[in-house]
Amino acid sequence: MDAIRTENLTKKYNLGWRRGRLLALDRLNLQVRPGEVYGLLGPNGSGKSTALKLILDLVAPTAGGAWIFGVPCDRVVSRLHVGFLPENPYFYRYLTAVETLEFYGKLCGMGGTPLRRRIDELLELVGLAGARDRRLAGYSKGMLQRIGLAQAMIHDPQLLLLDEPTAGVDPIGSRDIRDLVLRLKHLGKTVLLSSHLLAQVQDVCDRIGVLNLGRLILEGEVGQLIKDQRRLNITVQDLPEAGRARVEQAVRAAGGTVVSVDHPETTLEALFLDALKKDSRGAGDHD
């Protein structure tokens, strides 16, 4: 059973009188496997946040459907084991970190000693144990993102949806959040994240999907996608000097041994930009 599955998930937004409708997401078919980290990539306005909101039933689809662990997303029970960090989370700034997590824990039906222990664990996990009693008004952007991750994990969900989790965070904080996502993966959690930091996504994601103008234009395992299929690396052993300029057949004829033939890897950033360049679709659809 997939952790997340969508079928022809589509969303159109009304633009107002005589302005038609904007196609924000176009027949998205997505499968996120349990225990994997899946990265949803795309430029601004590509439909990443819309996709997450549809999966969480925060907005209603125009067509198609979505399921979480086999349960339709329009049923509240589907979200009992889901944690969510929006791109721009809002917190009560007059609360401390502990008070914030107590608030969200009680919303999830938690309380007493188990909740207090969970708060201590999470503050240690996200590196905020030393700022547990500081009001959020005094938190930096990176610290707010960390408390946002903590609230998303307060009820120990099996699935986390993270919308731009490192937005506005400095390089050190961004690295810490990356390491935290990897720790979640090692704990067996499933993570669906959207991001524009391609190098970071390359480090943490098992698979990625690239959205452009609402359409999924590229998908696959990161390790396979970043192999440059247009070039080959050939590692040769015991090849005489005179045979170095020859191709594989000439290498063997010259007395050398071909140890490996493989595709060199490109970067996720280059792959992403190349996919957008190849996508010939126009700047947007209206009807």
Foldseek 3Di string as FASTA:
>chain_A
DFQKWWFQFWAWADPDPPPFIFTQAGGDTDTFHFLFEEEEEEDPSLNPLVVVCQQCVVDDTPDTFMAGVRHTNVDPVRCLQEFEQAPDDDDDQQAFLLRRLVVLCVVSVDDDPVLVVLSCVLCVLLVNNVRRRPGNVPPDPLVVLSSSVSSRCSVPHQEYEYEASCVPPDPVSLVSVLVSLQVSSVVRHYYYYYHHPQQSCLVGGQKYFYGGQNYTQDIDGSVVLQFDPVDKDWDKDPADPVQPVDDPVSRVVRPIDTPDIGGHGHGRVVSRVVSVVPPPDDPTDGD
